[in-house]
Amino acid sequence: MAARVTYGIQSVRKALARGGVERLFLQEGLGPERLGRLSEAIAGSGVPVAYVAAAELQQLTGTTKHQGVAAFVQSRGALSEREAQSFLDAVELPVVLVLDGIADPRNFGALLRTADAAGVDLVVTGRSRNVGVTPVVSKVACGAAEAQPIAEVGNIARFLGHLADRGLRIVGTDDAAAVSLYEVDLTVPLALVVGAEGEGMRRLTREHCDMLVRLPMRGVVESLNVAVAAGICLYECVRQRSHLAPPGTLR
């Protein structure tokens, strides 16, 4: 497995609880009061700890908002297109979240966090059009960046074609769609597609969707943040599938 950098007290604490932390970095002079419950987790983890200057932590994480703690965390790494197809062949009633060009690392982190929480089987991104798993993404995702299966594919439209061939319904989100999210059956094998911030889905991606859905908007705003919108869609899927699986799982 590859190792990724994550930072921040809560993100590192969750990584320690899950396992897979290879090494910890703490800012020199950081007391147990500042670390809070993380101090106990570190003491019982047996993970090697390096005490470094704040400047070194900033260089490691790429930010001054590291809260005095960072870690190297094991990550399963992204699946290839072929591996992703084989992975989904073993899933009985898959839910796939397809991201068509998410550029903001905070949005990507929030999407991974929600996907993990909702029990999404696979998150798919374009190899060249989506932000990678950076330390910011890892922090916002709160452990999901390391736990959530992710695939990086060379061509989103082509991969949607493979999903359709495997019997998945391809549902895209579009503010101008005629059909409401709440009118659609989400209990079938499903790929939910969300587009880039501001631009939405590309034309070829849109053309590979079986249907487009919108979220009802009752106020003056015309659209929602992409991570918020995807979260609403995924939890509508959770709601619809609640009679198909034990509580706490999407399937």
C-alpha atoms as a PDB file:
ATOM      1  CA  MET A   1       0.000   0.000   0.000  1.00  0.00           C
ATOM      2  CA  ALA A   2       1.067   3.580  -0.639  1.00  0.00           C
ATOM      3  CA  ALA A   3       1.346   6.098   2.209  1.00  0.00           C
ATOM      4  CA  ARG A   4      -0.404   9.465   2.199  1.00  0.00           C
ATOM      5  CA  VAL A   5      -0.085  12.484   4.438  1.00  0.00           C
ATOM      6  CA  THR A   6      -3.010  13.472   6.611  1.00  0.00           C
ATOM      7  CA  TYR A   7      -3.034  16.195   9.245  1.00  0.00           C
ATOM      8  CA  GLY A   8      -5.192  17.783  11.938  1.00  0.00           C
ATOM      9  CA  ILE A   9      -6.089  16.391  15.351  1.00  0.00           C
ATOM     10  CA  GLN A  10      -9.409  14.775  14.416  1.00  0.00           C
ATOM     11  CA  SER A  11      -8.158  13.281  11.143  1.00  0.00           C
ATOM     12  CA  VAL A  12      -5.095  11.739  12.781  1.00  0.00           C
ATOM     13  CA  ARG A  13      -7.114  10.466  15.748  1.00  0.00           C
ATOM     14  CA  LYS A  14      -9.514   8.653  13.395  1.00  0.00           C
ATOM     15  CA  ALA A  15      -6.598   7.261  11.410  1.00  0.00           C
ATOM     16  CA  LEU A  16      -5.083   5.850  14.607  1.00  0.00           C
ATOM     17  CA  ALA A  17      -8.401   4.284  15.578  1.00  0.00           C
ATOM     18  CA  ARG A  18      -8.718   2.656  12.163  1.00  0.00           C
ATOM     19  CA  GLY A  19      -5.089   1.495  12.002  1.00  0.00           C
ATOM     20  CA  GLY A  20      -2.555   1.839   9.228  1.00  0.00           C
ATOM     21  CA  VAL A  21      -0.649   4.871  10.561  1.00  0.00           C
ATOM     22  CA  GLU A  22       3.030   4.405   9.727  1.00  0.00           C
ATOM     23  CA  ARG A  23       4.549   7.438  11.441  1.00  0.00           C
ATOM     24  CA  LEU A  24       3.399  10.462  13.419  1.00  0.00           C
ATOM     25  CA  PHE A  25       4.789  13.995  13.360  1.00  0.00           C
ATOM     26  CA  LEU A  26       4.123  16.296  16.308  1.00  0.00           C
ATOM     27  CA  GLN A  27       5.072  19.921  16.594  1.00  0.00           C
ATOM     28  CA  GLU A  28       7.761  20.546  19.213  1.00  0.00           C
ATOM     29  CA  GLY A  29       6.379  21.902  22.471  1.00  0.00           C
ATOM     30  CA  LEU A  30       2.805  20.776  21.812  1.00  0.00           C
ATOM     31  CA  GLY A  31       1.353  19.815  25.205  1.00  0.00           C
ATOM     32  CA  PRO A  32      -1.198  17.088  26.028  1.00  0.00           C
ATOM     33  CA  GLU A  33      -3.854  19.732  26.718  1.00  0.00           C
ATOM     34  CA  ARG A  34      -3.657  20.873  23.092  1.00  0.00           C
ATOM     35  CA  LEU A  35      -3.793  17.325  21.763  1.00  0.00           C
ATOM     36  CA  GLY A  36      -6.661  16.256  24.016  1.00  0.00           C
ATOM     37  CA  ARG A  37      -7.842  12.671  23.399  1.00  0.00           C
ATOM     38  CA  LEU A  38      -5.227  12.257  20.674  1.00  0.00           C
ATOM     39  CA  SER A  39      -2.566  11.954  23.412  1.00  0.00           C
ATOM     40  CA  GLU A  40      -4.145   8.723  24.679  1.00  0.00           C
ATOM     41  CA  ALA A  41      -4.490   7.336  21.163  1.00  0.00           C
ATOM     42  CA  ILE A  42      -0.829   8.056  20.435  1.00  0.00           C
ATOM     43  CA  ALA A  43       0.321   6.503  23.717  1.00  0.00           C
ATOM     44  CA  GLY A  44      -1.492   3.254  22.983  1.00  0.00           C
ATOM     45  CA  SER A  45      -0.690   3.038  19.287  1.00  0.00           C
ATOM     46  CA  GLY A  46       2.974   2.081  19.294  1.00  0.00           C
ATOM     47  CA  VAL A  47       3.449   4.245  16.189  1.00  0.00           C
ATOM     48  CA  PRO A  48       6.849   5.995  15.899  1.00  0.00           C
ATOM     49  CA  VAL A  49       6.636   9.713  16.700  1.00  0.00           C
ATOM     50  CA  ALA A  50       8.925  12.431  15.346  1.00  0.00           C
ATOM     51  CA  TYR A  51       8.946  15.853  17.017  1.00  0.00           C
ATOM     52  CA  VAL A  52       9.518  18.549  14.427  1.00  0.00           C
ATOM     53  CA  ALA A  53       9.397  22.326  14.062  1.00  0.00           C
ATOM     54  CA  ALA A  54       6.218  24.047  12.878  1.00  0.00           C
ATOM     55  CA  ALA A  55       7.972  24.993   9.639  1.00  0.00           C
ATOM     56  CA  GLU A  56       8.703  21.340   8.883  1.00  0.00           C
ATOM     57  CA  LEU A  57       5.069  20.410   9.489  1.00  0.00           C
ATOM     58  CA  GLN A  58       4.015  23.189   7.156  1.00  0.00           C
ATOM     59  CA  GLN A  59       6.333  21.861   4.471  1.00  0.00           C
ATOM     60  CA  LEU A  60       5.047  18.308   4.982  1.00  0.00           C
ATOM     61  CA  THR A  61       1.342  19.206   4.863  1.00  0.00           C
ATOM     62  CA  GLY A  62       1.391  22.253   2.601  1.00  0.00           C
ATOM     63  CA  THR A  63      -0.553  24.376   5.090  1.00  0.00           C
ATOM     64  CA  THR A  64      -0.181  26.321   8.339  1.00  0.00           C
ATOM     65  CA  LYS A  65      -3.479  24.822   9.603  1.00  0.00           C
ATOM     66  CA  HIS A  66      -1.982  21.468  10.569  1.00  0.00           C
ATOM     67  CA  GLN A  67      -2.872  21.896  14.291  1.00  0.00           C
ATOM     68  CA  GLY A  68       0.583  20.643  15.210  1.00  0.00           C
ATOM     69  CA  VAL A  69       0.073  17.053  14.056  1.00  0.00           C
ATOM     70  CA  ALA A  70       0.456  15.019  10.868  1.00  0.00           C
ATOM     71  CA  ALA A  71       0.829  11.377   9.926  1.00  0.00           C
ATOM     72  CA  PHE A  72       1.834   9.021   7.155  1.00  0.00           C
ATOM     73  CA  VAL A  73      -1.213   6.795   6.645  1.00  0.00           C
ATOM     74  CA  GLN A  74      -1.423   3.642   4.547  1.00  0.00           C
ATOM     75  CA  SER A  75      -3.704   3.935   1.530  1.00  0.00           C
ATOM     76  CA  ARG A  76      -4.967   1.207  -0.753  1.00  0.00           C
ATOM     77  CA  GLY A  77      -4.274   3.393  -3.818  1.00  0.00           C
ATOM     78  CA  ALA A  78      -6.561   4.026  -6.771  1.00  0.00           C
ATOM     79  CA  LEU A  79      -7.904   1.152  -8.850  1.00  0.00           C
ATOM     80  CA  SER A  80      -7.309   1.076 -12.587  1.00  0.00           C
ATOM     81  CA  GLU A  81     -10.215   0.879 -15.027  1.00  0.00           C
ATOM     82  CA  ARG A  82      -9.798  -2.882 -15.402  1.00  0.00           C
ATOM     83  CA  GLU A  83      -9.477  -3.409 -11.642  1.00  0.00           C
ATOM     84  CA  ALA A  84     -12.579  -1.299 -11.044  1.00  0.00           C
ATOM     85  CA  GLN A  85     -14.635  -3.431 -13.420  1.00  0.00           C
ATOM     86  CA  SER A  86     -13.471  -6.631 -11.714  1.00  0.00           C
ATOM     87  CA  PHE A  87     -14.163  -5.075  -8.323  1.00  0.00           C
ATOM     88  CA  LEU A  88     -17.763  -4.242  -9.271  1.00  0.00           C
ATOM     89  CA  ASP A  89     -18.374  -7.704 -10.714  1.00  0.00           C
ATOM     90  CA  ALA A  90     -18.259  -9.008  -7.136  1.00  0.00           C
ATOM     91  CA  VAL A  91     -20.842  -6.494  -5.830  1.00  0.00           C
ATOM     92  CA  GLU A  92     -24.448  -7.658  -5.889  1.00  0.00           C
ATOM     93  CA  LEU A  93     -26.263  -4.288  -5.933  1.00  0.00           C
ATOM     94  CA  PRO A  94     -23.597  -1.652  -6.590  1.00  0.00           C
ATOM     95  CA  VAL A  95     -23.738   2.069  -6.022  1.00  0.00           C
ATOM     96  CA  VAL A  96     -21.004   3.995  -7.821  1.00  0.00           C
ATOM     97  CA  LEU A  97     -20.342   7.719  -7.437  1.00  0.00           C
ATOM     98  CA  VAL A  98     -18.802   9.161 -10.611  1.00  0.00           C
ATOM     99  CA  LEU A  99     -17.088  12.559 -10.374  1.00  0.00           C
ATOM    100  CA  ASP A 100     -16.683  14.385 -13.673  1.00  0.00           C
ATOM    101  CA  GLY A 101     -13.936  16.905 -12.972  1.00  0.00           C
ATOM    102  CA  ILE A 102     -13.944  17.958  -9.302  1.00  0.00           C
ATOM    103  CA  ALA A 103     -11.214  20.579  -8.966  1.00  0.00           C
ATOM    104  CA  ASP A 104     -11.598  21.766  -5.363  1.00  0.00           C
ATOM    105  CA  PRO A 105      -9.779  19.522  -2.855  1.00  0.00           C
ATOM    106  CA  ARG A 106     -12.227  20.417  -0.081  1.00  0.00           C
ATOM    107  CA  ASN A 107     -15.153  19.380  -2.236  1.00  0.00           C
ATOM    108  CA  PHE A 108     -13.392  16.139  -3.160  1.00  0.00           C
ATOM    109  CA  GLY A 109     -12.659  15.426   0.496  1.00  0.00           C
ATOM    110  CA  ALA A 110     -16.274  16.106   1.461  1.00  0.00           C
ATOM    111  CA  LEU A 111     -17.506  13.862  -1.367  1.00  0.00           C
ATOM    112  CA  LEU A 112     -15.275  11.001  -0.207  1.00  0.00           C
ATOM    113  CA  ARG A 113     -16.412  11.441   3.381  1.00  0.00           C
ATOM    114  CA  THR A 114     -20.089  11.334   2.398  1.00  0.00           C
ATOM    115  CA  ALA A 115     -19.559   8.416   0.011  1.00  0.00           C
ATOM    116  CA  ASP A 116     -17.916   6.394   2.769  1.00  0.00           C
ATOM    117  CA  ALA A 117     -20.637   7.303   5.269  1.00  0.00           C
ATOM    118  CA  ALA A 118     -23.412   6.332   2.832  1.00  0.00           C
ATOM    119  CA  GLY A 119     -21.821   2.988   1.923  1.00  0.00           C
ATOM    120  CA  VAL A 120     -20.891   3.778  -1.686  1.00  0.00           C
ATOM    121  CA  ASP A 121     -19.086   0.824  -3.257  1.00  0.00           C
ATOM    122  CA  LEU A 122     -16.769   2.805  -5.547  1.00  0.00           C
ATOM    123  CA  VAL A 123     -15.904   6.428  -6.310  1.00  0.00           C
ATOM    124  CA  VAL A 124     -14.746   6.986  -9.888  1.00  0.00           C
ATOM    125  CA  THR A 125     -12.707   9.981 -11.046  1.00  0.00           C
ATOM    126  CA  GLY A 126     -11.029  10.997 -14.272  1.00  0.00           C
ATOM    127  CA  ARG A 127      -7.283  10.482 -14.216  1.00  0.00           C
ATOM    128  CA  SER A 128      -6.532  13.935 -15.642  1.00  0.00           C
ATOM    129  CA  ARG A 129      -9.538  16.075 -14.710  1.00  0.00           C
ATOM    130  CA  ASN A 130     -10.022  15.441 -10.983  1.00  0.00           C
ATOM    131  CA  VAL A 131      -7.928  16.708  -8.106  1.00  0.00           C
ATOM    132  CA  GLY A 132      -5.879  13.931  -6.529  1.00  0.00           C
ATOM    133  CA  VAL A 133      -5.855  12.823  -2.909  1.00  0.00           C
ATOM    134  CA  THR A 134      -3.810  15.645  -1.398  1.00  0.00           C
ATOM    135  CA  PRO A 135      -3.228  16.251   2.322  1.00  0.00           C
ATOM    136  CA  VAL A 136      -6.126  18.751   2.244  1.00  0.00           C
ATOM    137  CA  VAL A 137      -8.415  16.116   0.699  1.00  0.00           C
ATOM    138  CA  SER A 138      -7.322  13.582   3.299  1.00  0.00           C
ATOM    139  CA  LYS A 139      -7.970  15.981   6.188  1.00  0.00           C
ATOM    140  CA  VAL A 140     -11.443  16.973   4.980  1.00  0.00           C
ATOM    141  CA  ALA A 141     -12.319  13.335   4.266  1.00  0.00           C
ATOM    142  CA  CYS A 142     -11.518  12.383   7.890  1.00  0.00           C
ATOM    143  CA  GLY A 143     -10.190   8.941   7.018  1.00  0.00           C
ATOM    144  CA  ALA A 144     -12.390   8.216   4.009  1.00  0.00           C
ATOM    145  CA  ALA A 145      -9.603   9.025   1.542  1.00  0.00           C
ATOM    146  CA  GLU A 146      -7.718   5.984   2.815  1.00  0.00           C
ATOM    147  CA  ALA A 147     -10.744   3.692   3.324  1.00  0.00           C
ATOM    148  CA  GLN A 148     -13.071   4.446   0.394  1.00  0.00           C
ATOM    149  CA  PRO A 149     -12.388   2.448  -2.801  1.00  0.00           C
ATOM    150  CA  ILE A 150     -11.465   4.909  -5.570  1.00  0.00           C
ATOM    151  CA  ALA A 151     -10.856   4.272  -9.251  1.00  0.00           C
ATOM    152  CA  GLU A 152      -9.045   6.588 -11.654  1.00  0.00           C
ATOM    153  CA  VAL A 153     -10.043   6.073 -15.289  1.00  0.00           C
ATOM    154  CA  GLY A 154      -8.754   7.591 -18.489  1.00  0.00           C
ATOM    155  CA  ASN A 155     -12.156   8.303 -20.014  1.00  0.00           C
ATOM    156  CA  ILE A 156     -15.262   8.881 -17.872  1.00  0.00           C
ATOM    157  CA  ALA A 157     -17.710   8.479 -20.784  1.00  0.00           C
ATOM    158  CA  ARG A 158     -16.158   5.172 -21.840  1.00  0.00           C
ATOM    159  CA  PHE A 159     -16.264   3.864 -18.281  1.00  0.00           C
ATOM    160  CA  LEU A 160     -19.942   4.817 -17.996  1.00  0.00           C
ATOM    161  CA  GLY A 161     -20.486   2.697 -21.094  1.00  0.00           C
ATOM    162  CA  HIS A 162     -18.882  -0.270 -19.313  1.00  0.00           C
ATOM    163  CA  LEU A 163     -21.123   0.314 -16.297  1.00  0.00           C
ATOM    164  CA  ALA A 164     -24.205   0.410 -18.523  1.00  0.00           C
ATOM    165  CA  ASP A 165     -23.135  -2.868 -20.137  1.00  0.00           C
ATOM    166  CA  ARG A 166     -23.016  -4.385 -16.649  1.00  0.00           C
ATOM    167  CA  GLY A 167     -26.610  -3.337 -16.011  1.00  0.00           C
ATOM    168  CA  LEU A 168     -26.099  -0.195 -13.942  1.00  0.00           C
ATOM    169  CA  ARG A 169     -28.539   2.675 -14.354  1.00  0.00           C
ATOM    170  CA  ILE A 170     -26.591   5.891 -15.042  1.00  0.00           C
ATOM    171  CA  VAL A 171     -28.224   8.850 -13.283  1.00  0.00           C
ATOM    172  CA  GLY A 172     -26.725  12.309 -13.759  1.00  0.00           C
ATOM    173  CA  THR A 173     -27.433  15.422 -11.730  1.00  0.00           C
ATOM    174  CA  ASP A 174     -28.464  18.596 -13.556  1.00  0.00           C
ATOM    175  CA  ASP A 175     -30.110  21.738 -12.174  1.00  0.00           C
ATOM    176  CA  ALA A 176     -32.220  22.041 -15.335  1.00  0.00           C
ATOM    177  CA  ALA A 177     -33.451  18.424 -15.450  1.00  0.00           C
ATOM    178  CA  ALA A 178     -37.187  17.863 -15.795  1.00  0.00           C
ATOM    179  CA  VAL A 179     -37.260  14.942 -13.341  1.00  0.00           C
ATOM    180  CA  SER A 180     -36.929  15.333  -9.569  1.00  0.00           C
ATOM    181  CA  LEU A 181     -34.543  13.088  -7.642  1.00  0.00           C
ATOM    182  CA  TYR A 182     -37.510  11.930  -5.575  1.00  0.00           C
ATOM    183  CA  GLU A 183     -39.313  10.547  -8.628  1.00  0.00           C
ATOM    184  CA  VAL A 184     -36.547   8.075  -9.515  1.00  0.00           C
ATOM    185  CA  ASP A 185     -36.079   4.475  -8.398  1.00  0.00           C
ATOM    186  CA  LEU A 186     -32.620   4.267  -6.834  1.00  0.00           C
ATOM    187  CA  THR A 187     -32.896   0.693  -5.609  1.00  0.00           C
ATOM    188  CA  VAL A 188     -31.424  -0.719  -8.839  1.00  0.00           C
ATOM    189  CA  PRO A 189     -27.688  -1.125  -9.605  1.00  0.00           C
ATOM    190  CA  LEU A 190     -26.721   2.539  -9.855  1.00  0.00           C
ATOM    191  CA  ALA A 191     -24.072   5.005 -10.976  1.00  0.00           C
ATOM    192  CA  LEU A 192     -24.677   8.550  -9.761  1.00  0.00           C
ATOM    193  CA  VAL A 193     -22.801  11.148 -11.814  1.00  0.00           C
ATOM    194  CA  VAL A 194     -22.026  14.666 -10.600  1.00  0.00           C
ATOM    195  CA  GLY A 195     -20.220  17.291 -12.634  1.00  0.00           C
ATOM    196  CA  ALA A 196     -17.564  19.880 -11.982  1.00  0.00           C
ATOM    197  CA  GLU A 197     -18.106  22.910  -9.781  1.00  0.00           C
ATOM    198  CA  GLY A 198     -19.912  25.541 -11.845  1.00  0.00           C
ATOM    199  CA  GLU A 199     -19.544  23.764 -15.188  1.00  0.00           C
ATOM    200  CA  GLY A 200     -21.480  20.591 -14.474  1.00  0.00           C
ATOM    201  CA  MET A 201     -21.063  17.453 -16.555  1.00  0.00           C
ATOM    202  CA  ARG A 202     -19.351  17.491 -19.922  1.00  0.00           C
ATOM    203  CA  ARG A 203     -21.419  16.776 -23.023  1.00  0.00           C
ATOM    204  CA  LEU A 204     -20.135  13.237 -23.579  1.00  0.00           C
ATOM    205  CA  THR A 205     -20.684  12.377 -19.935  1.00  0.00           C
ATOM    206  CA  ARG A 206     -24.231  13.711 -20.127  1.00  0.00           C
ATOM    207  CA  GLU A 207     -24.938  11.670 -23.249  1.00  0.00           C
ATOM    208  CA  HIS A 208     -24.025   8.456 -21.421  1.00  0.00           C
ATOM    209  CA  CYS A 209     -26.591   9.078 -18.676  1.00  0.00           C
ATOM    210  CA  ASP A 210     -29.861   7.140 -18.780  1.00  0.00           C
ATOM    211  CA  MET A 211     -31.604  10.041 -17.085  1.00  0.00           C
ATOM    212  CA  LEU A 212     -30.922  13.415 -15.501  1.00  0.00           C
ATOM    213  CA  VAL A 213     -32.378  14.471 -12.160  1.00  0.00           C
ATOM    214  CA  ARG A 214     -32.587  17.719 -10.230  1.00  0.00           C
ATOM    215  CA  LEU A 215     -33.003  18.659  -6.607  1.00  0.00           C
ATOM    216  CA  PRO A 216     -36.135  20.739  -5.889  1.00  0.00           C
ATOM    217  CA  MET A 217     -35.068  24.298  -5.039  1.00  0.00           C
ATOM    218  CA  ARG A 218     -37.601  26.281  -2.979  1.00  0.00           C
ATOM    219  CA  GLY A 219     -35.586  29.404  -2.166  1.00  0.00           C
ATOM    220  CA  VAL A 220     -33.756  32.120  -4.072  1.00  0.00           C
ATOM    221  CA  VAL A 221     -30.520  30.151  -4.643  1.00  0.00           C
ATOM    222  CA  GLU A 222     -30.346  28.311  -7.954  1.00  0.00           C
ATOM    223  CA  SER A 223     -27.961  25.490  -7.059  1.00  0.00           C
ATOM    224  CA  LEU A 224     -26.137  23.754  -4.216  1.00  0.00           C
ATOM    225  CA  ASN A 225     -22.481  22.993  -3.603  1.00  0.00           C
ATOM    226  CA  VAL A 226     -21.568  19.802  -5.464  1.00  0.00           C
ATOM    227  CA  ALA A 227     -20.674  17.914  -2.284  1.00  0.00           C
ATOM    228  CA  VAL A 228     -23.933  18.929  -0.620  1.00  0.00           C
ATOM    229  CA  ALA A 229     -25.982  17.949  -3.669  1.00  0.00           C
ATOM    230  CA  ALA A 230     -24.246  14.579  -3.960  1.00  0.00           C
ATOM    231  CA  GLY A 231     -24.840  13.939  -0.276  1.00  0.00           C
ATOM    232  CA  ILE A 232     -28.570  14.540  -0.650  1.00  0.00           C
ATOM    233  CA  CYS A 233     -28.701  12.159  -3.611  1.00  0.00           C
ATOM    234  CA  LEU A 234     -26.739   9.444  -1.824  1.00  0.00           C
ATOM    235  CA  TYR A 235     -28.878   9.599   1.273  1.00  0.00           C
ATOM    236  CA  GLU A 236     -32.044   9.441  -0.794  1.00  0.00           C
ATOM    237  CA  CYS A 237     -30.532   6.236  -2.128  1.00  0.00           C
ATOM    238  CA  VAL A 238     -29.920   5.091   1.456  1.00  0.00           C
ATOM    239  CA  ARG A 239     -33.546   5.875   2.325  1.00  0.00           C
ATOM    240  CA  GLN A 240     -34.968   4.012  -0.647  1.00  0.00           C
ATOM    241  CA  ARG A 241     -32.770   0.969  -0.005  1.00  0.00           C
ATOM    242  CA  SER A 242     -33.367   0.857   3.742  1.00  0.00           C
ATOM    243  CA  HIS A 243     -35.781  -2.069   3.368  1.00  0.00           C
ATOM    244  CA  LEU A 244     -33.219  -4.038   1.328  1.00  0.00           C
ATOM    245  CA  ALA A 245     -30.360  -4.089   3.814  1.00  0.00           C
ATOM    246  CA  PRO A 246     -29.662  -3.881   7.576  1.00  0.00           C
ATOM    247  CA  PRO A 247     -29.664  -0.375   9.092  1.00  0.00           C
ATOM    248  CA  GLY A 248     -26.407   1.498   8.610  1.00  0.00           C
ATOM    249  CA  THR A 249     -25.651   0.145   5.142  1.00  0.00           C
ATOM    250  CA  LEU A 250     -26.553   1.580   1.769  1.00  0.00           C
ATOM    251  CA  ARG A 251     -27.105  -1.765   0.082  1.00  0.00           C
END
